[in-house]
Amino acid sequence: MKRADFAAIANWIAPNTQVLDLGCGDGSFLQYLQQQKPVHAYGVEIDDARVLSCVQKGLNVIQQNLEGGLALFEDESFDTVVLSQTLQTIHQTEKILREVVRVGKESIISFPNFGHWSHRLAVGFGHMPVSKSLPYQWYNTPNVRVLTVADFERLASSLGLSVIDQCILHEGRVVTLLPNLFGSLALFRIRRA
């Protein structure tokens, strides 16, 4: 199943470039990207079953835990590094963001926006939100971080990262009016300043 952010991310990736997808899951995005344009794509995933799914799709994948860093990759090894809906599952957020922009000439980060009005309302009524962008219960979620568009912008600035572009979505549509309130999924295109 194609996620709403796939097209927006692919739009930012130039043809005939080197792409690294961190936390690539079952390889759905890499497969989608290769169907859209010619790229040299690689994935990194830790889960055995997901790595196997990537291999079965004929994708290049490395099995590795992102929490350990990306030491096996040289500086600017890739034109684009993608961290799609994975940032919220990372314990060492600052470390992985520094590594992502070190390894890629530019990077694309996407994450569920906890600042969406429906999430704020759920917390206001005393429970953790469950939605399309945050589909898990509090007790079985892979998410270890909750962040908003504004939180990410502040963190990127404090780490000396330049935001090249951003796209905030809700149910596949671009949100321009109060994106931190009405957007459920945030996408940022960044690089080292």
N, C-alpha and C. Protein backbone atom coordinates (compact mmCIF):
# COMPACT_ATOMS: atom_id res chain seq x y z
N MET A 1 0.84 -1.20 0.00
CA MET A 1 0.00 0.00 0.00
C MET A 1 0.87 1.25 0.00
N LYS A 2 0.64 2.16 -0.93
CA LYS A 2 1.41 3.39 -1.04
C LYS A 2 0.95 4.40 0.00
N ARG A 3 1.89 4.93 0.77
CA ARG A 3 1.57 5.95 1.76
C ARG A 3 1.47 7.31 1.09
N ALA A 4 0.76 8.21 1.73
CA ALA A 4 0.54 9.55 1.19
C ALA A 4 1.84 10.33 1.00
N ASP A 5 2.85 10.04 1.80
CA ASP A 5 4.09 10.81 1.71
C ASP A 5 5.03 10.32 0.61
N PHE A 6 4.80 9.16 0.04
CA PHE A 6 5.71 8.61 -0.96
C PHE A 6 5.91 9.57 -2.14
N ALA A 7 4.82 10.07 -2.71
CA ALA A 7 4.91 10.94 -3.89
C ALA A 7 5.63 12.24 -3.55
N ALA A 8 5.33 12.81 -2.38
CA ALA A 8 5.98 14.07 -1.99
C ALA A 8 7.48 13.88 -1.80
N ILE A 9 7.88 12.77 -1.20
CA ILE A 9 9.31 12.50 -1.01
C ILE A 9 9.97 12.25 -2.37
N ALA A 10 9.37 11.43 -3.18
CA ALA A 10 9.93 11.11 -4.50
C ALA A 10 10.08 12.36 -5.36
N ASN A 11 9.18 13.30 -5.19
CA ASN A 11 9.22 14.55 -5.93
C ASN A 11 10.50 15.33 -5.66
N TRP A 12 11.05 15.21 -4.46
CA TRP A 12 12.25 15.93 -4.06
C TRP A 12 13.54 15.20 -4.48
N ILE A 13 13.43 14.02 -5.02
CA ILE A 13 14.61 13.22 -5.38
C ILE A 13 14.84 13.29 -6.88
N ALA A 14 16.05 13.70 -7.25
CA ALA A 14 16.39 13.82 -8.68
C ALA A 14 16.67 12.44 -9.28
N PRO A 15 16.38 12.26 -10.57
CA PRO A 15 16.71 10.99 -11.24
C PRO A 15 18.22 10.77 -11.28
N ASN A 16 18.61 9.52 -11.40
CA ASN A 16 20.01 9.12 -11.54
C ASN A 16 20.89 9.58 -10.38
N THR A 17 20.33 9.53 -9.16
CA THR A 17 21.09 9.90 -7.97
C THR A 17 21.18 8.71 -7.04
N GLN A 18 22.05 8.85 -6.05
CA GLN A 18 22.25 7.82 -5.02
C GLN A 18 21.32 8.14 -3.84
N VAL A 19 20.47 7.18 -3.46
CA VAL A 19 19.48 7.39 -2.40
C VAL A 19 19.64 6.31 -1.34
N LEU A 20 19.62 6.73 -0.07
CA LEU A 20 19.66 5.81 1.05
C LEU A 20 18.39 6.01 1.87
N ASP A 21 17.62 4.93 2.07
CA ASP A 21 16.39 4.98 2.86
C ASP A 21 16.65 4.28 4.18
N LEU A 22 16.67 5.07 5.26
CA LEU A 22 16.95 4.53 6.59
C LEU A 22 15.65 4.12 7.27
N GLY A 23 15.64 2.90 7.83
CA GLY A 23 14.41 2.37 8.39
C GLY A 23 13.43 2.09 7.26
N CYS A 24 13.93 1.42 6.22
CA CYS A 24 13.18 1.26 4.96
C CYS A 24 12.01 0.28 5.06
N GLY A 25 11.86 -0.39 6.20
CA GLY A 25 10.73 -1.30 6.36
C GLY A 25 10.78 -2.42 5.35
N ASP A 26 9.64 -2.70 4.73
CA ASP A 26 9.56 -3.81 3.76
C ASP A 26 10.00 -3.40 2.36
N GLY A 27 10.51 -2.16 2.22
CA GLY A 27 11.01 -1.70 0.93
C GLY A 27 9.95 -1.08 0.03
N SER A 28 8.77 -0.83 0.55
CA SER A 28 7.68 -0.28 -0.28
C SER A 28 8.05 1.06 -0.91
N PHE A 29 8.68 1.95 -0.12
CA PHE A 29 9.04 3.24 -0.69
C PHE A 29 10.13 3.10 -1.74
N LEU A 30 11.16 2.30 -1.46
CA LEU A 30 12.24 2.11 -2.43
C LEU A 30 11.69 1.54 -3.74
N GLN A 31 10.79 0.59 -3.62
CA GLN A 31 10.17 0.00 -4.82
C GLN A 31 9.37 1.07 -5.57
N TYR A 32 8.59 1.86 -4.86
CA TYR A 32 7.82 2.94 -5.47
C TYR A 32 8.75 3.94 -6.17
N LEU A 33 9.83 4.33 -5.47
CA LEU A 33 10.76 5.30 -6.02
C LEU A 33 11.39 4.78 -7.32
N GLN A 34 11.80 3.53 -7.32
CA GLN A 34 12.43 2.97 -8.52
C GLN A 34 11.44 2.83 -9.67
N GLN A 35 10.16 2.72 -9.38
CA GLN A 35 9.14 2.70 -10.43
C GLN A 35 8.90 4.10 -11.00
N GLN A 36 9.17 5.13 -10.20
CA GLN A 36 8.92 6.51 -10.62
C GLN A 36 10.07 7.10 -11.41
N LYS A 37 11.30 6.74 -11.06
CA LYS A 37 12.46 7.34 -11.72
C LYS A 37 13.68 6.46 -11.53
N PRO A 38 14.64 6.59 -12.46
CA PRO A 38 15.86 5.78 -12.30
C PRO A 38 16.74 6.37 -11.19
N VAL A 39 16.94 5.60 -10.14
CA VAL A 39 17.83 5.99 -9.03
C VAL A 39 18.62 4.76 -8.60
N HIS A 40 19.72 5.00 -7.93
CA HIS A 40 20.51 3.94 -7.31
C HIS A 40 20.11 3.95 -5.84
N ALA A 41 19.26 3.02 -5.43
CA ALA A 41 18.65 3.07 -4.11
C ALA A 41 19.12 1.93 -3.22
N TYR A 42 19.30 2.28 -1.95
CA TYR A 42 19.73 1.32 -0.93
C TYR A 42 18.88 1.56 0.31
N GLY A 43 18.66 0.51 1.08
CA GLY A 43 17.90 0.63 2.30
C GLY A 43 18.67 0.10 3.49
N VAL A 44 18.31 0.58 4.66
CA VAL A 44 18.83 0.07 5.93
C VAL A 44 17.62 -0.28 6.79
N GLU A 45 17.62 -1.50 7.32
CA GLU A 45 16.50 -1.98 8.14
C GLU A 45 17.04 -2.97 9.15
N ILE A 46 16.42 -3.04 10.32
CA ILE A 46 16.88 -3.97 11.36
C ILE A 46 16.06 -5.24 11.43
N ASP A 47 14.77 -5.16 11.11
CA ASP A 47 13.85 -6.28 11.28
C ASP A 47 14.08 -7.37 10.23
N ASP A 48 14.27 -8.62 10.69
CA ASP A 48 14.56 -9.75 9.80
C ASP A 48 13.52 -9.93 8.70
N ALA A 49 12.25 -9.93 9.07
CA ALA A 49 11.18 -10.17 8.09
C ALA A 49 11.13 -9.05 7.05
N ARG A 50 11.37 -7.82 7.48
CA ARG A 50 11.34 -6.69 6.55
C ARG A 50 12.54 -6.72 5.62
N VAL A 51 13.70 -7.09 6.15
CA VAL A 51 14.89 -7.23 5.31
C VAL A 51 14.63 -8.29 4.24
N LEU A 52 14.05 -9.41 4.64
CA LEU A 52 13.72 -10.48 3.70
C LEU A 52 12.76 -9.99 2.62
N SER A 53 11.77 -9.19 3.02
CA SER A 53 10.82 -8.63 2.06
C SER A 53 11.53 -7.75 1.04
N CYS A 54 12.50 -6.96 1.50
CA CYS A 54 13.28 -6.11 0.59
C CYS A 54 14.06 -6.97 -0.40
N VAL A 55 14.70 -8.00 0.10
CA VAL A 55 15.50 -8.90 -0.74
C VAL A 55 14.60 -9.57 -1.78
N GLN A 56 13.41 -10.00 -1.36
CA GLN A 56 12.48 -10.64 -2.28
C GLN A 56 12.00 -9.69 -3.37
N LYS A 57 12.02 -8.39 -3.08
CA LYS A 57 11.63 -7.38 -4.07
C LYS A 57 12.83 -6.99 -4.96
N GLY A 58 13.98 -7.59 -4.69
CA GLY A 58 15.17 -7.29 -5.48
C GLY A 58 15.85 -5.98 -5.10
N LEU A 59 15.63 -5.52 -3.87
CA LEU A 59 16.19 -4.25 -3.41
C LEU A 59 17.51 -4.47 -2.69
N ASN A 60 18.37 -3.47 -2.75
CA ASN A 60 19.63 -3.50 -2.01
C ASN A 60 19.35 -3.05 -0.58
N VAL A 61 19.61 -3.92 0.39
CA VAL A 61 19.32 -3.59 1.78
C VAL A 61 20.44 -4.08 2.68
N ILE A 62 20.72 -3.29 3.71
CA ILE A 62 21.71 -3.64 4.73
C ILE A 62 20.95 -3.79 6.03
N GLN A 63 21.22 -4.87 6.75
CA GLN A 63 20.58 -5.05 8.06
C GLN A 63 21.46 -4.41 9.12
N GLN A 64 20.91 -3.37 9.76
CA GLN A 64 21.66 -2.62 10.76
C GLN A 64 20.70 -1.84 11.64
N ASN A 65 21.11 -1.64 12.90
CA ASN A 65 20.37 -0.83 13.85
C ASN A 65 20.81 0.63 13.69
N LEU A 66 19.89 1.51 13.39
CA LEU A 66 20.21 2.93 13.19
C LEU A 66 20.74 3.58 14.46
N GLU A 67 20.33 3.08 15.61
CA GLU A 67 20.76 3.66 16.88
C GLU A 67 22.28 3.62 17.04
N GLY A 68 22.94 2.69 16.36
CA GLY A 68 24.39 2.58 16.43
C GLY A 68 25.10 3.60 15.55
N GLY A 69 24.36 4.38 14.78
CA GLY A 69 24.96 5.37 13.89
C GLY A 69 25.16 4.82 12.49
N LEU A 70 25.79 5.59 11.67
CA LEU A 70 25.98 5.25 10.26
C LEU A 70 27.46 5.25 9.90
N ALA A 71 28.29 4.77 10.82
CA ALA A 71 29.74 4.80 10.63
C ALA A 71 30.20 4.06 9.38
N LEU A 72 29.42 3.12 8.89
CA LEU A 72 29.86 2.37 7.72
C LEU A 72 29.74 3.18 6.42
N PHE A 73 29.15 4.39 6.50
CA PHE A 73 29.02 5.26 5.33
C PHE A 73 29.92 6.49 5.47
N GLU A 74 30.59 6.84 4.37
CA GLU A 74 31.45 8.03 4.31
C GLU A 74 30.59 9.29 4.27
N ASP A 75 31.22 10.43 4.55
CA ASP A 75 30.54 11.72 4.42
C ASP A 75 30.03 11.89 2.99
N GLU A 76 28.83 12.40 2.87
CA GLU A 76 28.18 12.69 1.58
C GLU A 76 28.26 11.52 0.59
N SER A 77 28.06 10.30 1.10
CA SER A 77 28.05 9.10 0.26
C SER A 77 26.83 9.06 -0.66
N PHE A 78 25.77 9.75 -0.26
CA PHE A 78 24.50 9.70 -1.00
C PHE A 78 24.04 11.11 -1.34
N ASP A 79 23.35 11.22 -2.45
CA ASP A 79 22.76 12.51 -2.82
C ASP A 79 21.62 12.84 -1.88
N THR A 80 20.82 11.83 -1.55
CA THR A 80 19.67 12.02 -0.66
C THR A 80 19.58 10.86 0.33
N VAL A 81 19.40 11.21 1.60
CA VAL A 81 19.11 10.22 2.63
C VAL A 81 17.69 10.47 3.11
N VAL A 82 16.90 9.41 3.14
CA VAL A 82 15.49 9.50 3.53
C VAL A 82 15.31 8.83 4.89
N LEU A 83 14.64 9.54 5.79
CA LEU A 83 14.26 8.99 7.10
C LEU A 83 12.75 9.23 7.20
N SER A 84 11.99 8.28 6.65
CA SER A 84 10.55 8.46 6.48
C SER A 84 9.77 7.77 7.59
N GLN A 85 9.09 8.57 8.38
CA GLN A 85 8.26 8.10 9.50
C GLN A 85 9.04 7.14 10.40
N THR A 86 10.29 7.49 10.64
CA THR A 86 11.17 6.69 11.50
C THR A 86 11.72 7.52 12.65
N LEU A 87 11.84 8.83 12.47
CA LEU A 87 12.45 9.70 13.47
C LEU A 87 11.80 9.52 14.85
N GLN A 88 10.49 9.36 14.89
CA GLN A 88 9.78 9.24 16.16
C GLN A 88 10.05 7.92 16.88
N THR A 89 10.71 6.97 16.18
CA THR A 89 11.02 5.68 16.80
C THR A 89 12.47 5.61 17.30
N ILE A 90 13.23 6.68 17.08
CA ILE A 90 14.65 6.72 17.41
C ILE A 90 14.86 7.28 18.81
N HIS A 91 15.70 6.62 19.60
CA HIS A 91 16.02 7.11 20.94
C HIS A 91 17.01 8.29 20.88
N GLN A 92 18.02 8.18 20.05
CA GLN A 92 19.08 9.19 19.97
C GLN A 92 18.82 10.11 18.78
N THR A 93 17.82 10.96 18.93
CA THR A 93 17.33 11.80 17.83
C THR A 93 18.41 12.72 17.27
N GLU A 94 19.08 13.46 18.15
CA GLU A 94 20.09 14.41 17.68
C GLU A 94 21.23 13.68 16.96
N LYS A 95 21.65 12.56 17.52
CA LYS A 95 22.75 11.79 16.91
C LYS A 95 22.38 11.32 15.52
N ILE A 96 21.19 10.77 15.35
CA ILE A 96 20.81 10.24 14.04
C ILE A 96 20.63 11.38 13.02
N LEU A 97 20.11 12.53 13.45
CA LEU A 97 19.97 13.66 12.52
C LEU A 97 21.34 14.16 12.07
N ARG A 98 22.30 14.22 12.98
CA ARG A 98 23.67 14.62 12.60
C ARG A 98 24.26 13.62 11.60
N GLU A 99 24.01 12.34 11.82
CA GLU A 99 24.52 11.30 10.93
C GLU A 99 23.84 11.36 9.56
N VAL A 100 22.55 11.60 9.56
CA VAL A 100 21.78 11.66 8.31
C VAL A 100 22.31 12.78 7.41
N VAL A 101 22.56 13.96 7.98
CA VAL A 101 23.05 15.08 7.16
C VAL A 101 24.54 14.94 6.86
N ARG A 102 25.25 14.14 7.60
CA ARG A 102 26.65 13.88 7.29
C ARG A 102 26.76 12.96 6.07
N VAL A 103 25.94 11.92 6.05
CA VAL A 103 26.00 10.89 5.01
C VAL A 103 25.36 11.37 3.71
N GLY A 104 24.37 12.23 3.79
CA GLY A 104 23.67 12.71 2.60
C GLY A 104 23.97 14.16 2.28
N LYS A 105 24.04 14.47 1.01
CA LYS A 105 24.20 15.87 0.59
C LYS A 105 22.96 16.66 0.99
N GLU A 106 21.82 15.99 0.90
CA GLU A 106 20.60 16.52 1.50
C GLU A 106 19.79 15.36 2.03
N SER A 107 18.84 15.67 2.90
CA SER A 107 18.07 14.62 3.56
C SER A 107 16.60 14.99 3.58
N ILE A 108 15.77 13.96 3.61
CA ILE A 108 14.33 14.15 3.70
C ILE A 108 13.85 13.41 4.94
N ILE A 109 13.22 14.16 5.82
CA ILE A 109 12.73 13.62 7.08
C ILE A 109 11.21 13.75 7.09
N SER A 110 10.50 12.67 7.42
CA SER A 110 9.04 12.80 7.59
C SER A 110 8.65 12.16 8.91
N PHE A 111 7.60 12.69 9.51
CA PHE A 111 7.14 12.19 10.81
C PHE A 111 5.69 12.59 11.04
N PRO A 112 4.97 11.80 11.85
CA PRO A 112 3.61 12.19 12.22
C PRO A 112 3.66 13.43 13.11
N ASN A 113 2.81 14.40 12.83
CA ASN A 113 2.77 15.65 13.59
C ASN A 113 1.85 15.50 14.80
N PHE A 114 2.45 15.43 15.97
CA PHE A 114 1.66 15.29 17.20
C PHE A 114 0.87 16.56 17.51
N GLY A 115 1.22 17.67 16.84
CA GLY A 115 0.51 18.94 17.07
C GLY A 115 -0.82 19.06 16.35
N HIS A 116 -1.19 18.04 15.54
CA HIS A 116 -2.47 18.09 14.83
C HIS A 116 -3.60 18.30 15.84
N TRP A 117 -4.60 19.07 15.46
CA TRP A 117 -5.68 19.43 16.38
C TRP A 117 -6.35 18.21 17.02
N SER A 118 -6.51 17.12 16.26
CA SER A 118 -7.19 15.94 16.81
C SER A 118 -6.35 15.29 17.91
N HIS A 119 -5.03 15.34 17.77
CA HIS A 119 -4.16 14.79 18.81
C HIS A 119 -4.21 15.65 20.06
N ARG A 120 -4.20 16.96 19.86
CA ARG A 120 -4.30 17.89 21.00
C ARG A 120 -5.61 17.68 21.75
N LEU A 121 -6.68 17.49 20.99
CA LEU A 121 -8.00 17.29 21.58
C LEU A 121 -8.03 15.99 22.40
N ALA A 122 -7.47 14.91 21.84
CA ALA A 122 -7.44 13.63 22.56
C ALA A 122 -6.70 13.76 23.89
N VAL A 123 -5.55 14.41 23.86
CA VAL A 123 -4.78 14.61 25.09
C VAL A 123 -5.58 15.50 26.05
N GLY A 124 -6.25 16.51 25.51
CA GLY A 124 -7.08 17.38 26.34
C GLY A 124 -8.19 16.61 27.05
N PHE A 125 -8.69 15.55 26.41
CA PHE A 125 -9.72 14.71 27.03
C PHE A 125 -9.14 13.58 27.86
N GLY A 126 -7.81 13.59 28.01
CA GLY A 126 -7.19 12.69 28.97
C GLY A 126 -6.68 11.36 28.44
N HIS A 127 -6.54 11.22 27.13
CA HIS A 127 -5.97 9.96 26.62
C HIS A 127 -5.07 10.23 25.42
N MET A 128 -4.20 9.27 25.15
CA MET A 128 -3.29 9.40 24.03
C MET A 128 -4.06 9.22 22.73
N PRO A 129 -3.70 9.99 21.71
CA PRO A 129 -4.43 9.92 20.44
C PRO A 129 -4.14 8.66 19.65
N VAL A 130 -5.15 8.22 18.92
CA VAL A 130 -5.01 7.15 17.93
C VAL A 130 -5.65 7.70 16.66
N SER A 131 -4.88 7.68 15.57
CA SER A 131 -5.37 8.24 14.31
C SER A 131 -4.68 7.51 13.16
N LYS A 132 -4.98 7.96 11.92
CA LYS A 132 -4.31 7.36 10.76
C LYS A 132 -2.80 7.58 10.84
N SER A 133 -2.37 8.75 11.30
CA SER A 133 -0.94 9.03 11.36
C SER A 133 -0.29 8.48 12.63
N LEU A 134 -1.06 8.23 13.66
CA LEU A 134 -0.58 7.61 14.91
C LEU A 134 -1.50 6.43 15.22
N PRO A 135 -1.35 5.31 14.50
CA PRO A 135 -2.33 4.24 14.55
C PRO A 135 -2.22 3.28 15.74
N TYR A 136 -1.28 3.50 16.65
CA TYR A 136 -1.08 2.54 17.74
C TYR A 136 -1.65 3.05 19.05
N GLN A 137 -1.95 2.11 19.94
CA GLN A 137 -2.31 2.46 21.30
C GLN A 137 -1.04 2.85 22.05
N TRP A 138 -1.16 3.54 23.15
CA TRP A 138 0.02 4.00 23.90
C TRP A 138 0.90 2.84 24.34
N TYR A 139 0.32 1.67 24.59
CA TYR A 139 1.07 0.54 25.16
C TYR A 139 1.74 -0.33 24.10
N ASN A 140 1.41 -0.16 22.81
CA ASN A 140 2.05 -1.01 21.81
C ASN A 140 2.67 -0.21 20.67
N THR A 141 2.88 1.08 20.89
CA THR A 141 3.42 1.92 19.84
C THR A 141 4.94 1.75 19.70
N PRO A 142 5.45 1.76 18.46
CA PRO A 142 6.90 1.75 18.27
C PRO A 142 7.49 3.15 18.50
N ASN A 143 6.62 4.16 18.61
CA ASN A 143 7.08 5.53 18.77
C ASN A 143 7.60 5.77 20.18
N VAL A 144 8.82 6.31 20.26
CA VAL A 144 9.39 6.66 21.55
C VAL A 144 9.43 8.17 21.73
N ARG A 145 9.12 8.91 20.68
CA ARG A 145 9.12 10.37 20.70
C ARG A 145 7.81 10.85 20.09
N VAL A 146 7.31 11.94 20.59
CA VAL A 146 6.22 12.64 19.95
C VAL A 146 6.74 14.04 19.66
N LEU A 147 6.53 14.51 18.44
CA LEU A 147 7.03 15.82 18.08
C LEU A 147 6.05 16.52 17.16
N THR A 148 6.23 17.82 17.08
CA THR A 148 5.38 18.65 16.24
C THR A 148 6.24 19.31 15.17
N VAL A 149 5.59 19.95 14.22
CA VAL A 149 6.28 20.70 13.18
C VAL A 149 7.18 21.74 13.83
N ALA A 150 6.63 22.49 14.79
CA ALA A 150 7.40 23.54 15.47
C ALA A 150 8.59 22.95 16.24
N ASP A 151 8.40 21.80 16.88
CA ASP A 151 9.50 21.15 17.61
C ASP A 151 10.64 20.80 16.66
N PHE A 152 10.30 20.23 15.50
CA PHE A 152 11.34 19.84 14.56
C PHE A 152 12.08 21.06 14.02
N GLU A 153 11.35 22.12 13.72
CA GLU A 153 11.99 23.35 13.23
C GLU A 153 12.99 23.88 14.24
N ARG A 154 12.63 23.88 15.53
CA ARG A 154 13.53 24.35 16.59
C ARG A 154 14.76 23.45 16.70
N LEU A 155 14.54 22.13 16.66
CA LEU A 155 15.67 21.20 16.76
C LEU A 155 16.61 21.35 15.57
N ALA A 156 16.06 21.44 14.37
CA ALA A 156 16.89 21.60 13.17
C ALA A 156 17.75 22.86 13.29
N SER A 157 17.16 23.94 13.74
CA SER A 157 17.89 25.19 13.91
C SER A 157 19.01 25.04 14.94
N SER A 158 18.70 24.39 16.07
CA SER A 158 19.71 24.23 17.13
C SER A 158 20.87 23.33 16.70
N LEU A 159 20.63 22.43 15.73
CA LEU A 159 21.67 21.54 15.23
C LEU A 159 22.41 22.14 14.03
N GLY A 160 22.04 23.36 13.64
CA GLY A 160 22.67 24.02 12.51
C GLY A 160 22.27 23.43 11.17
N LEU A 161 21.05 22.95 11.07
CA LEU A 161 20.55 22.38 9.82
C LEU A 161 19.72 23.42 9.07
N SER A 162 19.87 23.45 7.77
CA SER A 162 19.07 24.35 6.93
C SER A 162 17.88 23.59 6.39
N VAL A 163 16.71 24.19 6.51
CA VAL A 163 15.50 23.63 5.90
C VAL A 163 15.43 24.18 4.48
N ILE A 164 15.54 23.29 3.50
CA ILE A 164 15.49 23.66 2.08
C ILE A 164 14.04 23.82 1.65
N ASP A 165 13.20 22.90 2.15
CA ASP A 165 11.79 22.91 1.77
C ASP A 165 11.02 22.13 2.82
N GLN A 166 9.74 22.35 2.89
CA GLN A 166 8.88 21.55 3.77
C GLN A 166 7.53 21.38 3.12
N CYS A 167 6.87 20.29 3.49
CA CYS A 167 5.54 19.98 2.98
C CYS A 167 4.77 19.33 4.13
N ILE A 168 3.66 19.92 4.49
CA ILE A 168 2.83 19.38 5.56
C ILE A 168 1.56 18.84 4.92
N LEU A 169 1.24 17.59 5.24
CA LEU A 169 0.10 16.92 4.63
C LEU A 169 -0.96 16.55 5.66
N HIS A 170 -2.17 16.42 5.18
CA HIS A 170 -3.24 15.79 5.96
C HIS A 170 -4.08 15.00 4.97
N GLU A 171 -4.15 13.69 5.19
CA GLU A 171 -4.89 12.78 4.32
C GLU A 171 -4.51 12.97 2.86
N GLY A 172 -3.20 13.13 2.62
CA GLY A 172 -2.67 13.22 1.27
C GLY A 172 -2.72 14.58 0.63
N ARG A 173 -3.33 15.55 1.29
CA ARG A 173 -3.42 16.91 0.74
C ARG A 173 -2.46 17.84 1.46
N VAL A 174 -1.90 18.80 0.72
CA VAL A 174 -0.97 19.77 1.29
C VAL A 174 -1.74 20.76 2.16
N VAL A 175 -1.19 21.03 3.34
CA VAL A 175 -1.80 21.97 4.29
C VAL A 175 -0.93 23.22 4.33
N THR A 176 -1.52 24.37 4.05
CA THR A 176 -0.78 25.63 4.11
C THR A 176 -1.25 26.53 5.25
N LEU A 177 -2.51 26.41 5.64
CA LEU A 177 -3.06 27.22 6.73
C LEU A 177 -2.77 26.55 8.07
N LEU A 178 -2.03 27.22 8.93
CA LEU A 178 -1.68 26.71 10.27
C LEU A 178 -1.25 25.23 10.21
N PRO A 179 -0.16 24.94 9.50
CA PRO A 179 0.23 23.54 9.28
C PRO A 179 0.51 22.76 10.56
N ASN A 180 0.99 23.42 11.62
CA ASN A 180 1.26 22.70 12.86
C ASN A 180 -0.02 22.27 13.56
N LEU A 181 -1.12 22.90 13.21
CA LEU A 181 -2.41 22.58 13.80
C LEU A 181 -3.23 21.65 12.91
N PHE A 182 -3.16 21.84 11.59
CA PHE A 182 -4.02 21.10 10.67
C PHE A 182 -3.31 20.01 9.87
N GLY A 183 -1.98 19.91 9.97
CA GLY A 183 -1.23 18.88 9.26
C GLY A 183 -0.99 17.67 10.13
N SER A 184 -1.20 16.49 9.60
CA SER A 184 -0.97 15.27 10.38
C SER A 184 0.37 14.61 10.06
N LEU A 185 0.98 15.00 8.93
CA LEU A 185 2.25 14.41 8.53
C LEU A 185 3.17 15.52 8.01
N ALA A 186 4.37 15.60 8.57
CA ALA A 186 5.32 16.64 8.20
C ALA A 186 6.47 16.05 7.40
N LEU A 187 6.88 16.75 6.36
CA LEU A 187 8.04 16.36 5.56
C LEU A 187 8.97 17.56 5.47
N PHE A 188 10.24 17.33 5.75
CA PHE A 188 11.25 18.38 5.68
C PHE A 188 12.40 17.93 4.82
N ARG A 189 12.85 18.82 3.97
CA ARG A 189 14.06 18.59 3.16
C ARG A 189 15.15 19.46 3.77
N ILE A 190 16.21 18.83 4.27
CA ILE A 190 17.22 19.55 5.04
C ILE A 190 18.64 19.23 4.55
N ARG A 191 19.59 20.04 5.01
CA ARG A 191 21.01 19.77 4.81
C ARG A 191 21.80 20.55 5.86
N ARG A 192 23.09 20.23 5.94
CA ARG A 192 23.95 20.99 6.85
C ARG A 192 24.02 22.42 6.39
N ALA A 193 24.03 23.35 7.33
CA ALA A 193 24.09 24.78 6.98
C ALA A 193 25.46 25.12 6.43
